[in-house]
Amino acid sequence: MGKRLFMKQPNMRKVIYSLLPILVFSVGNFGLRVLFVAALAVSVAFIIEFLFEARKGKPVSEAVLVTGLLYGLILPPAVPIWIVVVGIVFAVVFGKMAFGGFGRNIFNPAMVGRAFVYISFPVALTVQWTQAARFWGEGFTRWLVFPQPVSGATPIEMIRYGEAVSRVDMFIGTIAGSAGETAKWLIIACAVYLVITKTASFKIIVSTIFAAFVISSLLFIFRLSVIDPFATLTGGSLLFGAVFMATDPVSAPRRERAKVYYGILIGSLTVIIGTFSLFGAGLMFSILIANTFAPLIDHLETWRMKK
């Protein structure tokens, strides 16, 4: 028998299944370019890992397909193609293979790739946003619904500068933003599927969202922020990150109580960084910071249990 091309990972396959409806919605919302970006990111991610693993005679992990798909969905729809390629290569090489491959990486690879391009090419990742279609489904007939990006058009930025944003649109997803992060109702449905199938940690998802809600409520009540709690949960990438990125089983803690602390850290830092720093990408940095402390949180919880 020949060698298997892919390592069998049923849980990773379930994550892919849950991301496909989000991909379909994103294409209908922004255009066929989203599908091309996602397919390109997945293809390049597979090729890079294959080149590393083929020398050792090992199969490619199905997790790398998740990395590519996630990376493609957390980028703006109009992101330059060369940035897509550069970012996913960096994600797989330095976010995963440099640590020894699947199961050994400290950080979420997709977030590593996005952080790299976010810091290196900030204009393409922070100001070149694409408006959503006038009606969902328009994107299936166009490469990009609005070829000319608009600056500062994400809901959070609009609210921050005093503009009115429809809360219904924020929940449904017919708003500007990263390709896969806009349809909050669909993300919630996918979260239910992942929790029921025991693919994602319910404790990480809930603790992340709860912490973000509490911190954003306090900041809003004391007028330290103009972003209300509902906008915090539905206007940005928090829900998508809580469901698909924070729950990465490799870079998250293993202990059950540690997962709660981990989620609280991510949710709190997301709001604090997004409110007080120059960077709007609070979720991205909070997940990478929490990834750094995940082993320590696990260790402290293990030590507590032994006392």
C-alpha atoms as a PDB file:
ATOM      1  CA  MET A   1       0.000   0.000   0.000  1.00  0.00           C
ATOM      2  CA  GLY A   2       1.180   3.533  -0.763  1.00  0.00           C
ATOM      3  CA  LYS A   3       1.800   6.120   1.857  1.00  0.00           C
ATOM      4  CA  ARG A   4      -1.135   8.278   2.926  1.00  0.00           C
ATOM      5  CA  LEU A   5      -1.052  11.867   1.703  1.00  0.00           C
ATOM      6  CA  PHE A   6      -2.949  13.195   4.741  1.00  0.00           C
ATOM      7  CA  MET A   7      -2.782  12.410   8.424  1.00  0.00           C
ATOM      8  CA  LYS A   8      -6.252  11.297   9.528  1.00  0.00           C
ATOM      9  CA  GLN A   9      -7.688  13.996  11.837  1.00  0.00           C
ATOM     10  CA  PRO A  10     -11.499  13.757  12.188  1.00  0.00           C
ATOM     11  CA  ASN A  11     -11.731  16.837  14.421  1.00  0.00           C
ATOM     12  CA  MET A  12      -9.901  18.974  11.891  1.00  0.00           C
ATOM     13  CA  ARG A  13     -12.331  17.761   9.240  1.00  0.00           C
ATOM     14  CA  LYS A  14     -15.252  18.893  11.393  1.00  0.00           C
ATOM     15  CA  VAL A  15     -13.721  22.362  11.656  1.00  0.00           C
ATOM     16  CA  ILE A  16     -13.455  22.460   7.864  1.00  0.00           C
ATOM     17  CA  TYR A  17     -17.105  21.412   7.548  1.00  0.00           C
ATOM     18  CA  SER A  18     -18.125  24.218   9.898  1.00  0.00           C
ATOM     19  CA  LEU A  19     -16.100  26.799   7.954  1.00  0.00           C
ATOM     20  CA  LEU A  20     -17.597  25.943   4.566  1.00  0.00           C
ATOM     21  CA  PRO A  21     -20.999  27.645   5.215  1.00  0.00           C
ATOM     22  CA  ILE A  22     -19.119  30.738   6.366  1.00  0.00           C
ATOM     23  CA  LEU A  23     -17.059  30.658   3.178  1.00  0.00           C
ATOM     24  CA  VAL A  24     -20.226  30.392   1.078  1.00  0.00           C
ATOM     25  CA  PHE A  25     -21.804  33.337   2.908  1.00  0.00           C
ATOM     26  CA  SER A  26     -18.610  35.372   2.447  1.00  0.00           C
ATOM     27  CA  VAL A  27     -18.578  34.750  -1.304  1.00  0.00           C
ATOM     28  CA  GLY A  28     -22.216  35.839  -1.589  1.00  0.00           C
ATOM     29  CA  ASN A  29     -21.408  38.901   0.525  1.00  0.00           C
ATOM     30  CA  PHE A  30     -18.206  40.120  -1.135  1.00  0.00           C
ATOM     31  CA  GLY A  31     -17.586  38.259  -4.384  1.00  0.00           C
ATOM     32  CA  LEU A  32     -15.889  35.257  -5.957  1.00  0.00           C
ATOM     33  CA  ARG A  33     -12.492  36.693  -5.077  1.00  0.00           C
ATOM     34  CA  VAL A  34     -13.025  35.465  -1.503  1.00  0.00           C
ATOM     35  CA  LEU A  35     -13.263  31.895  -2.783  1.00  0.00           C
ATOM     36  CA  PHE A  36     -10.078  32.352  -4.807  1.00  0.00           C
ATOM     37  CA  VAL A  37      -8.194  33.785  -1.800  1.00  0.00           C
ATOM     38  CA  ALA A  38      -9.314  30.915   0.437  1.00  0.00           C
ATOM     39  CA  ALA A  39      -8.435  28.283  -2.183  1.00  0.00           C
ATOM     40  CA  LEU A  40      -5.043  29.891  -2.772  1.00  0.00           C
ATOM     41  CA  ALA A  41      -4.252  30.038   0.954  1.00  0.00           C
ATOM     42  CA  VAL A  42      -5.226  26.381   1.426  1.00  0.00           C
ATOM     43  CA  SER A  43      -3.205  25.275  -1.614  1.00  0.00           C
ATOM     44  CA  VAL A  44      -0.055  27.150  -0.624  1.00  0.00           C
ATOM     45  CA  ALA A  45      -0.337  25.954   2.985  1.00  0.00           C
ATOM     46  CA  PHE A  46      -0.604  22.346   1.788  1.00  0.00           C
ATOM     47  CA  ILE A  47       2.385  22.689  -0.565  1.00  0.00           C
ATOM     48  CA  ILE A  48       4.619  24.213   2.108  1.00  0.00           C
ATOM     49  CA  GLU A  49       3.841  21.543   4.693  1.00  0.00           C
ATOM     50  CA  PHE A  50       4.157  18.801   2.062  1.00  0.00           C
ATOM     51  CA  LEU A  51       7.664  20.005   1.184  1.00  0.00           C
ATOM     52  CA  PHE A  52       8.671  19.814   4.845  1.00  0.00           C
ATOM     53  CA  GLU A  53       7.038  16.478   5.648  1.00  0.00           C
ATOM     54  CA  ALA A  54       7.932  14.661   2.399  1.00  0.00           C
ATOM     55  CA  ARG A  55      11.609  14.679   3.358  1.00  0.00           C
ATOM     56  CA  LYS A  56      10.711  12.811   6.534  1.00  0.00           C
ATOM     57  CA  GLY A  57       8.267  10.476   4.826  1.00  0.00           C
ATOM     58  CA  LYS A  58       5.363  11.808   6.875  1.00  0.00           C
ATOM     59  CA  PRO A  59       1.836  12.672   5.682  1.00  0.00           C
ATOM     60  CA  VAL A  60       0.497  16.215   5.657  1.00  0.00           C
ATOM     61  CA  SER A  61      -1.771  17.126   8.580  1.00  0.00           C
ATOM     62  CA  GLU A  62      -5.375  17.981   7.813  1.00  0.00           C
ATOM     63  CA  ALA A  63      -4.851  20.803  10.296  1.00  0.00           C
ATOM     64  CA  VAL A  64      -2.876  22.711   7.668  1.00  0.00           C
ATOM     65  CA  LEU A  65      -6.027  22.896   5.542  1.00  0.00           C
ATOM     66  CA  VAL A  66      -7.782  24.495   8.504  1.00  0.00           C
ATOM     67  CA  THR A  67      -4.906  26.962   8.836  1.00  0.00           C
ATOM     68  CA  GLY A  68      -5.156  27.939   5.185  1.00  0.00           C
ATOM     69  CA  LEU A  69      -8.935  28.299   5.270  1.00  0.00           C
ATOM     70  CA  LEU A  70      -8.898  30.323   8.485  1.00  0.00           C
ATOM     71  CA  TYR A  71      -6.142  32.569   7.174  1.00  0.00           C
ATOM     72  CA  GLY A  72      -8.086  33.251   3.981  1.00  0.00           C
ATOM     73  CA  LEU A  73     -11.236  34.107   5.912  1.00  0.00           C
ATOM     74  CA  ILE A  74      -9.602  36.543   8.348  1.00  0.00           C
ATOM     75  CA  LEU A  75      -8.252  38.761   5.569  1.00  0.00           C
ATOM     76  CA  PRO A  76     -10.059  41.692   3.943  1.00  0.00           C
ATOM     77  CA  PRO A  77     -11.778  40.613   0.691  1.00  0.00           C
ATOM     78  CA  ALA A  78      -9.672  42.962  -1.446  1.00  0.00           C
ATOM     79  CA  VAL A  79      -6.294  42.042   0.081  1.00  0.00           C
ATOM     80  CA  PRO A  80      -3.527  41.870  -2.581  1.00  0.00           C
ATOM     81  CA  ILE A  81      -2.849  38.324  -3.756  1.00  0.00           C
ATOM     82  CA  TRP A  82       0.878  38.533  -3.049  1.00  0.00           C
ATOM     83  CA  ILE A  83       0.105  39.349   0.588  1.00  0.00           C
ATOM     84  CA  VAL A  84      -2.060  36.225   0.785  1.00  0.00           C
ATOM     85  CA  VAL A  85       0.858  34.101  -0.403  1.00  0.00           C
ATOM     86  CA  VAL A  86       3.517  35.776   1.750  1.00  0.00           C
ATOM     87  CA  GLY A  87       1.367  35.551   4.866  1.00  0.00           C
ATOM     88  CA  ILE A  88       0.392  31.886   4.562  1.00  0.00           C
ATOM     89  CA  VAL A  89       3.986  30.861   3.790  1.00  0.00           C
ATOM     90  CA  PHE A  90       5.126  32.689   6.928  1.00  0.00           C
ATOM     91  CA  ALA A  91       2.268  31.137   8.924  1.00  0.00           C
ATOM     92  CA  VAL A  92       3.149  27.543   8.046  1.00  0.00           C
ATOM     93  CA  VAL A  93       6.941  27.895   8.088  1.00  0.00           C
ATOM     94  CA  PHE A  94       7.412  30.035  11.196  1.00  0.00           C
ATOM     95  CA  GLY A  95       4.119  29.424  12.983  1.00  0.00           C
ATOM     96  CA  LYS A  96       4.186  25.639  12.684  1.00  0.00           C
ATOM     97  CA  MET A  97       7.052  23.850  10.949  1.00  0.00           C
ATOM     98  CA  ALA A  98       9.746  25.808  12.797  1.00  0.00           C
ATOM     99  CA  PHE A  99       8.444  24.217  16.003  1.00  0.00           C
ATOM    100  CA  GLY A 100       8.503  20.715  14.542  1.00  0.00           C
ATOM    101  CA  GLY A 101       5.138  20.445  12.799  1.00  0.00           C
ATOM    102  CA  PHE A 102       1.642  19.573  13.947  1.00  0.00           C
ATOM    103  CA  GLY A 103       1.160  19.297  17.698  1.00  0.00           C
ATOM    104  CA  ARG A 104       4.339  21.175  18.570  1.00  0.00           C
ATOM    105  CA  ASN A 105       3.522  24.752  17.609  1.00  0.00           C
ATOM    106  CA  ILE A 106       3.075  27.228  20.440  1.00  0.00           C
ATOM    107  CA  PHE A 107       1.048  29.798  18.510  1.00  0.00           C
ATOM    108  CA  ASN A 108      -1.997  29.540  16.276  1.00  0.00           C
ATOM    109  CA  PRO A 109      -0.397  29.464  12.794  1.00  0.00           C
ATOM    110  CA  ALA A 110      -3.172  31.386  11.019  1.00  0.00           C
ATOM    111  CA  MET A 111      -2.874  34.201  13.566  1.00  0.00           C
ATOM    112  CA  VAL A 112       0.909  34.210  13.177  1.00  0.00           C
ATOM    113  CA  GLY A 113       0.480  34.747   9.444  1.00  0.00           C
ATOM    114  CA  ARG A 114      -2.075  37.504   9.864  1.00  0.00           C
ATOM    115  CA  ALA A 115      -0.008  39.277  12.510  1.00  0.00           C
ATOM    116  CA  PHE A 116       2.991  39.218  10.193  1.00  0.00           C
ATOM    117  CA  VAL A 117       1.177  40.821   7.262  1.00  0.00           C
ATOM    118  CA  TYR A 118      -0.756  43.162   9.579  1.00  0.00           C
ATOM    119  CA  ILE A 119       2.453  44.628  10.962  1.00  0.00           C
ATOM    120  CA  SER A 120       4.411  44.473   7.706  1.00  0.00           C
ATOM    121  CA  PHE A 121       1.737  45.806   5.340  1.00  0.00           C
ATOM    122  CA  PRO A 122      -0.663  47.777   7.565  1.00  0.00           C
ATOM    123  CA  VAL A 123      -2.447  49.758   4.837  1.00  0.00           C
ATOM    124  CA  ALA A 124      -3.747  46.646   3.081  1.00  0.00           C
ATOM    125  CA  LEU A 125      -4.891  45.137   6.393  1.00  0.00           C
ATOM    126  CA  THR A 126      -6.313  48.184   8.175  1.00  0.00           C
ATOM    127  CA  VAL A 127      -7.764  50.751   5.757  1.00  0.00           C
ATOM    128  CA  GLN A 128      -8.619  48.950   2.507  1.00  0.00           C
ATOM    129  CA  TRP A 129     -12.005  47.474   3.400  1.00  0.00           C
ATOM    130  CA  THR A 130     -14.677  46.339   0.955  1.00  0.00           C
ATOM    131  CA  GLN A 131     -18.362  47.133   1.366  1.00  0.00           C
ATOM    132  CA  ALA A 132     -20.780  44.231   1.496  1.00  0.00           C
ATOM    133  CA  ALA A 133     -23.203  43.492  -1.341  1.00  0.00           C
ATOM    134  CA  ARG A 134     -26.443  45.459  -1.565  1.00  0.00           C
ATOM    135  CA  PHE A 135     -28.231  42.123  -1.197  1.00  0.00           C
ATOM    136  CA  TRP A 136     -26.750  38.769  -0.217  1.00  0.00           C
ATOM    137  CA  GLY A 137     -25.952  36.557  -3.197  1.00  0.00           C
ATOM    138  CA  GLU A 138     -24.785  39.378  -5.436  1.00  0.00           C
ATOM    139  CA  GLY A 139     -21.244  38.195  -4.848  1.00  0.00           C
ATOM    140  CA  PHE A 140     -21.831  34.940  -6.739  1.00  0.00           C
ATOM    141  CA  THR A 141     -22.043  36.935  -9.964  1.00  0.00           C
ATOM    142  CA  ARG A 142     -19.029  39.200  -9.422  1.00  0.00           C
ATOM    143  CA  TRP A 143     -15.315  38.875  -8.789  1.00  0.00           C
ATOM    144  CA  LEU A 144     -15.529  41.589  -6.127  1.00  0.00           C
ATOM    145  CA  VAL A 145     -18.813  43.349  -5.383  1.00  0.00           C
ATOM    146  CA  PHE A 146     -17.151  46.727  -4.812  1.00  0.00           C
ATOM    147  CA  PRO A 147     -13.747  46.783  -6.574  1.00  0.00           C
ATOM    148  CA  GLN A 148     -12.763  50.081  -4.958  1.00  0.00           C
ATOM    149  CA  PRO A 149     -12.028  49.600  -1.225  1.00  0.00           C
ATOM    150  CA  VAL A 150     -13.309  52.193   1.225  1.00  0.00           C
ATOM    151  CA  SER A 151     -11.276  53.469   4.169  1.00  0.00           C
ATOM    152  CA  GLY A 152     -12.332  53.093   7.786  1.00  0.00           C
ATOM    153  CA  ALA A 153     -15.560  51.304   6.896  1.00  0.00           C
ATOM    154  CA  THR A 154     -15.651  48.561   9.526  1.00  0.00           C
ATOM    155  CA  PRO A 155     -18.533  48.877  12.015  1.00  0.00           C
ATOM    156  CA  ILE A 156     -16.263  49.368  15.027  1.00  0.00           C
ATOM    157  CA  GLU A 157     -14.435  52.236  13.322  1.00  0.00           C
ATOM    158  CA  MET A 158     -17.681  53.833  12.195  1.00  0.00           C
ATOM    159  CA  ILE A 159     -19.097  53.725  15.740  1.00  0.00           C
ATOM    160  CA  ARG A 160     -15.833  55.040  17.136  1.00  0.00           C
ATOM    161  CA  TYR A 161     -16.134  58.130  14.909  1.00  0.00           C
ATOM    162  CA  GLY A 162     -19.781  58.723  15.744  1.00  0.00           C
ATOM    163  CA  GLU A 163     -21.439  57.194  12.687  1.00  0.00           C
ATOM    164  CA  ALA A 164     -24.632  55.171  12.908  1.00  0.00           C
ATOM    165  CA  VAL A 165     -24.429  51.446  12.167  1.00  0.00           C
ATOM    166  CA  SER A 166     -27.362  49.069  11.848  1.00  0.00           C
ATOM    167  CA  ARG A 167     -27.268  46.478  14.636  1.00  0.00           C
ATOM    168  CA  VAL A 168     -29.284  44.119  12.446  1.00  0.00           C
ATOM    169  CA  ASP A 169     -26.708  44.338   9.644  1.00  0.00           C
ATOM    170  CA  MET A 170     -23.941  43.707  12.172  1.00  0.00           C
ATOM    171  CA  PHE A 171     -25.629  40.509  13.296  1.00  0.00           C
ATOM    172  CA  ILE A 172     -26.664  39.292   9.844  1.00  0.00           C
ATOM    173  CA  GLY A 173     -23.286  40.084   8.339  1.00  0.00           C
ATOM    174  CA  THR A 174     -24.049  42.528   5.518  1.00  0.00           C
ATOM    175  CA  ILE A 175     -21.259  44.829   6.656  1.00  0.00           C
ATOM    176  CA  ALA A 176     -17.648  45.537   5.779  1.00  0.00           C
ATOM    177  CA  GLY A 177     -14.955  43.509   7.490  1.00  0.00           C
ATOM    178  CA  SER A 178     -12.716  40.508   7.080  1.00  0.00           C
ATOM    179  CA  ALA A 179     -14.244  38.004   4.683  1.00  0.00           C
ATOM    180  CA  GLY A 180     -15.412  35.352   7.147  1.00  0.00           C
ATOM    181  CA  GLU A 181     -16.032  37.371  10.293  1.00  0.00           C
ATOM    182  CA  THR A 182     -19.235  39.268   9.501  1.00  0.00           C
ATOM    183  CA  ALA A 183     -22.129  36.756   9.748  1.00  0.00           C
ATOM    184  CA  LYS A 184     -22.498  36.449  13.511  1.00  0.00           C
ATOM    185  CA  TRP A 185     -25.629  34.258  13.380  1.00  0.00           C
ATOM    186  CA  LEU A 186     -23.786  31.775  11.194  1.00  0.00           C
ATOM    187  CA  ILE A 187     -20.714  31.771  13.436  1.00  0.00           C
ATOM    188  CA  ILE A 188     -22.964  31.026  16.427  1.00  0.00           C
ATOM    189  CA  ALA A 189     -24.586  28.134  14.525  1.00  0.00           C
ATOM    190  CA  CYS A 190     -21.141  26.750  13.681  1.00  0.00           C
ATOM    191  CA  ALA A 191     -20.107  27.101  17.321  1.00  0.00           C
ATOM    192  CA  VAL A 192     -23.094  24.988  18.382  1.00  0.00           C
ATOM    193  CA  TYR A 193     -22.088  22.297  15.880  1.00  0.00           C
ATOM    194  CA  LEU A 194     -18.461  22.287  17.069  1.00  0.00           C
ATOM    195  CA  VAL A 195     -19.466  22.098  20.736  1.00  0.00           C
ATOM    196  CA  ILE A 196     -22.025  19.331  20.170  1.00  0.00           C
ATOM    197  CA  THR A 197     -19.482  17.273  18.230  1.00  0.00           C
ATOM    198  CA  LYS A 198     -16.914  17.925  20.997  1.00  0.00           C
ATOM    199  CA  THR A 199     -14.577  19.571  18.528  1.00  0.00           C
ATOM    200  CA  ALA A 200     -14.281  22.961  20.228  1.00  0.00           C
ATOM    201  CA  SER A 201     -14.149  23.833  23.909  1.00  0.00           C
ATOM    202  CA  PHE A 202     -17.385  25.332  25.196  1.00  0.00           C
ATOM    203  CA  LYS A 203     -15.495  26.771  28.172  1.00  0.00           C
ATOM    204  CA  ILE A 204     -13.038  28.712  26.015  1.00  0.00           C
ATOM    205  CA  ILE A 205     -15.776  30.117  23.781  1.00  0.00           C
ATOM    206  CA  VAL A 206     -18.069  31.205  26.614  1.00  0.00           C
ATOM    207  CA  SER A 207     -15.348  32.583  28.895  1.00  0.00           C
ATOM    208  CA  THR A 208     -13.856  34.604  26.014  1.00  0.00           C
ATOM    209  CA  ILE A 209     -17.196  36.146  25.076  1.00  0.00           C
ATOM    210  CA  PHE A 210     -18.236  36.709  28.711  1.00  0.00           C
ATOM    211  CA  ALA A 211     -14.982  38.461  29.616  1.00  0.00           C
ATOM    212  CA  ALA A 212     -15.181  40.702  26.550  1.00  0.00           C
ATOM    213  CA  PHE A 213     -18.809  41.560  27.371  1.00  0.00           C
ATOM    214  CA  VAL A 214     -18.002  42.444  30.998  1.00  0.00           C
ATOM    215  CA  ILE A 215     -14.927  44.559  30.224  1.00  0.00           C
ATOM    216  CA  SER A 216     -16.599  46.389  27.332  1.00  0.00           C
ATOM    217  CA  SER A 217     -19.665  47.050  29.521  1.00  0.00           C
ATOM    218  CA  LEU A 218     -17.529  48.582  32.270  1.00  0.00           C
ATOM    219  CA  LEU A 219     -15.604  50.747  29.810  1.00  0.00           C
ATOM    220  CA  PHE A 220     -18.841  51.883  28.175  1.00  0.00           C
ATOM    221  CA  ILE A 221     -20.599  52.615  31.484  1.00  0.00           C
ATOM    222  CA  PHE A 222     -17.677  54.702  32.755  1.00  0.00           C
ATOM    223  CA  ARG A 223     -17.377  56.436  29.355  1.00  0.00           C
ATOM    224  CA  LEU A 224     -13.904  55.180  28.669  1.00  0.00           C
ATOM    225  CA  SER A 225     -15.116  53.792  25.360  1.00  0.00           C
ATOM    226  CA  VAL A 226     -17.871  54.630  22.885  1.00  0.00           C
ATOM    227  CA  ILE A 227     -18.149  51.011  21.790  1.00  0.00           C
ATOM    228  CA  ASP A 228     -21.139  49.391  23.492  1.00  0.00           C
ATOM    229  CA  PRO A 229     -21.061  45.686  24.478  1.00  0.00           C
ATOM    230  CA  PHE A 230     -23.312  44.597  21.599  1.00  0.00           C
ATOM    231  CA  ALA A 231     -21.015  46.287  19.081  1.00  0.00           C
ATOM    232  CA  THR A 232     -18.018  44.663  20.743  1.00  0.00           C
ATOM    233  CA  LEU A 233     -19.510  41.215  20.222  1.00  0.00           C
ATOM    234  CA  THR A 234     -20.975  41.726  16.754  1.00  0.00           C
ATOM    235  CA  GLY A 235     -19.040  44.534  15.101  1.00  0.00           C
ATOM    236  CA  GLY A 236     -15.638  42.902  14.856  1.00  0.00           C
ATOM    237  CA  SER A 237     -13.847  39.572  14.835  1.00  0.00           C
ATOM    238  CA  LEU A 238     -14.422  38.558  18.457  1.00  0.00           C
ATOM    239  CA  LEU A 239     -17.003  35.822  17.848  1.00  0.00           C
ATOM    240  CA  PHE A 240     -15.097  34.293  14.946  1.00  0.00           C
ATOM    241  CA  GLY A 241     -11.874  34.295  16.934  1.00  0.00           C
ATOM    242  CA  ALA A 242     -13.508  32.867  20.057  1.00  0.00           C
ATOM    243  CA  VAL A 243     -15.031  29.972  18.101  1.00  0.00           C
ATOM    244  CA  PHE A 244     -12.311  29.088  15.606  1.00  0.00           C
ATOM    245  CA  MET A 245      -8.994  30.547  16.784  1.00  0.00           C
ATOM    246  CA  ALA A 246      -9.016  30.541  20.578  1.00  0.00           C
ATOM    247  CA  THR A 247     -10.192  26.923  20.616  1.00  0.00           C
ATOM    248  CA  ASP A 248      -7.227  25.608  18.621  1.00  0.00           C
ATOM    249  CA  PRO A 249      -6.445  22.412  20.609  1.00  0.00           C
ATOM    250  CA  VAL A 250      -2.676  22.649  20.053  1.00  0.00           C
ATOM    251  CA  SER A 251      -2.064  26.210  21.241  1.00  0.00           C
ATOM    252  CA  ALA A 252      -4.747  26.265  23.991  1.00  0.00           C
ATOM    253  CA  PRO A 253      -4.462  24.812  27.515  1.00  0.00           C
ATOM    254  CA  ARG A 254      -5.450  21.188  28.189  1.00  0.00           C
ATOM    255  CA  ARG A 255      -6.835  21.483  31.727  1.00  0.00           C
ATOM    256  CA  GLU A 256     -10.542  22.309  31.934  1.00  0.00           C
ATOM    257  CA  ARG A 257     -10.283  25.115  34.476  1.00  0.00           C
ATOM    258  CA  ALA A 258      -7.222  26.470  32.689  1.00  0.00           C
ATOM    259  CA  LYS A 259      -9.391  26.858  29.576  1.00  0.00           C
ATOM    260  CA  VAL A 260     -11.659  29.228  31.491  1.00  0.00           C
ATOM    261  CA  TYR A 261      -8.716  31.394  32.602  1.00  0.00           C
ATOM    262  CA  TYR A 262      -7.382  31.289  29.061  1.00  0.00           C
ATOM    263  CA  GLY A 263     -10.685  32.506  27.610  1.00  0.00           C
ATOM    264  CA  ILE A 264     -10.955  35.279  30.195  1.00  0.00           C
ATOM    265  CA  LEU A 265      -7.453  36.434  29.264  1.00  0.00           C
ATOM    266  CA  ILE A 266      -8.304  36.527  25.558  1.00  0.00           C
ATOM    267  CA  GLY A 267     -11.640  38.301  25.997  1.00  0.00           C
ATOM    268  CA  SER A 268     -10.246  40.901  28.388  1.00  0.00           C
ATOM    269  CA  LEU A 269      -7.152  41.670  26.330  1.00  0.00           C
ATOM    270  CA  THR A 270      -9.178  41.902  23.133  1.00  0.00           C
ATOM    271  CA  VAL A 271     -11.245  44.779  24.506  1.00  0.00           C
ATOM    272  CA  ILE A 272      -8.367  46.501  26.320  1.00  0.00           C
ATOM    273  CA  ILE A 273      -6.011  46.398  23.339  1.00  0.00           C
ATOM    274  CA  GLY A 274      -8.745  47.392  20.915  1.00  0.00           C
ATOM    275  CA  THR A 275      -9.751  50.345  23.108  1.00  0.00           C
ATOM    276  CA  PHE A 276      -6.476  51.805  24.320  1.00  0.00           C
ATOM    277  CA  SER A 277      -3.794  50.837  21.811  1.00  0.00           C
ATOM    278  CA  LEU A 278      -3.010  52.161  18.364  1.00  0.00           C
ATOM    279  CA  PHE A 279      -3.782  48.714  16.965  1.00  0.00           C
ATOM    280  CA  GLY A 280      -7.389  47.907  16.226  1.00  0.00           C
ATOM    281  CA  ALA A 281      -6.701  44.184  15.980  1.00  0.00           C
ATOM    282  CA  GLY A 282      -7.173  43.437  19.664  1.00  0.00           C
ATOM    283  CA  LEU A 283      -8.304  39.860  19.135  1.00  0.00           C
ATOM    284  CA  MET A 284      -5.287  38.899  17.044  1.00  0.00           C
ATOM    285  CA  PHE A 285      -2.765  40.135  19.586  1.00  0.00           C
ATOM    286  CA  SER A 286      -4.745  38.826  22.554  1.00  0.00           C
ATOM    287  CA  ILE A 287      -4.798  35.279  21.142  1.00  0.00           C
ATOM    288  CA  LEU A 288      -1.068  35.322  20.449  1.00  0.00           C
ATOM    289  CA  ILE A 289      -0.369  36.666  23.945  1.00  0.00           C
ATOM    290  CA  ALA A 290      -2.648  34.026  25.477  1.00  0.00           C
ATOM    291  CA  ASN A 291      -0.909  31.337  23.391  1.00  0.00           C
ATOM    292  CA  THR A 292       2.334  32.409  25.055  1.00  0.00           C
ATOM    293  CA  PHE A 293       0.894  31.915  28.524  1.00  0.00           C
ATOM    294  CA  ALA A 294      -1.164  28.778  27.793  1.00  0.00           C
ATOM    295  CA  PRO A 295       1.552  26.331  29.010  1.00  0.00           C
ATOM    296  CA  LEU A 296       2.032  28.377  32.190  1.00  0.00           C
ATOM    297  CA  ILE A 297      -1.728  28.481  32.870  1.00  0.00           C
ATOM    298  CA  ASP A 298      -1.843  24.716  32.408  1.00  0.00           C
ATOM    299  CA  HIS A 299       1.156  24.247  34.705  1.00  0.00           C
ATOM    300  CA  LEU A 300      -0.320  26.432  37.458  1.00  0.00           C
ATOM    301  CA  GLU A 301      -3.620  24.565  37.277  1.00  0.00           C
ATOM    302  CA  THR A 302      -1.795  21.226  37.482  1.00  0.00           C
ATOM    303  CA  TRP A 303       0.158  22.492  40.503  1.00  0.00           C
ATOM    304  CA  ARG A 304      -3.084  23.684  42.155  1.00  0.00           C
ATOM    305  CA  MET A 305      -4.705  20.274  41.672  1.00  0.00           C
ATOM    306  CA  LYS A 306      -1.748  18.524  43.317  1.00  0.00           C
ATOM    307  CA  LYS A 307      -1.844  20.676  46.441  1.00  0.00           C
END
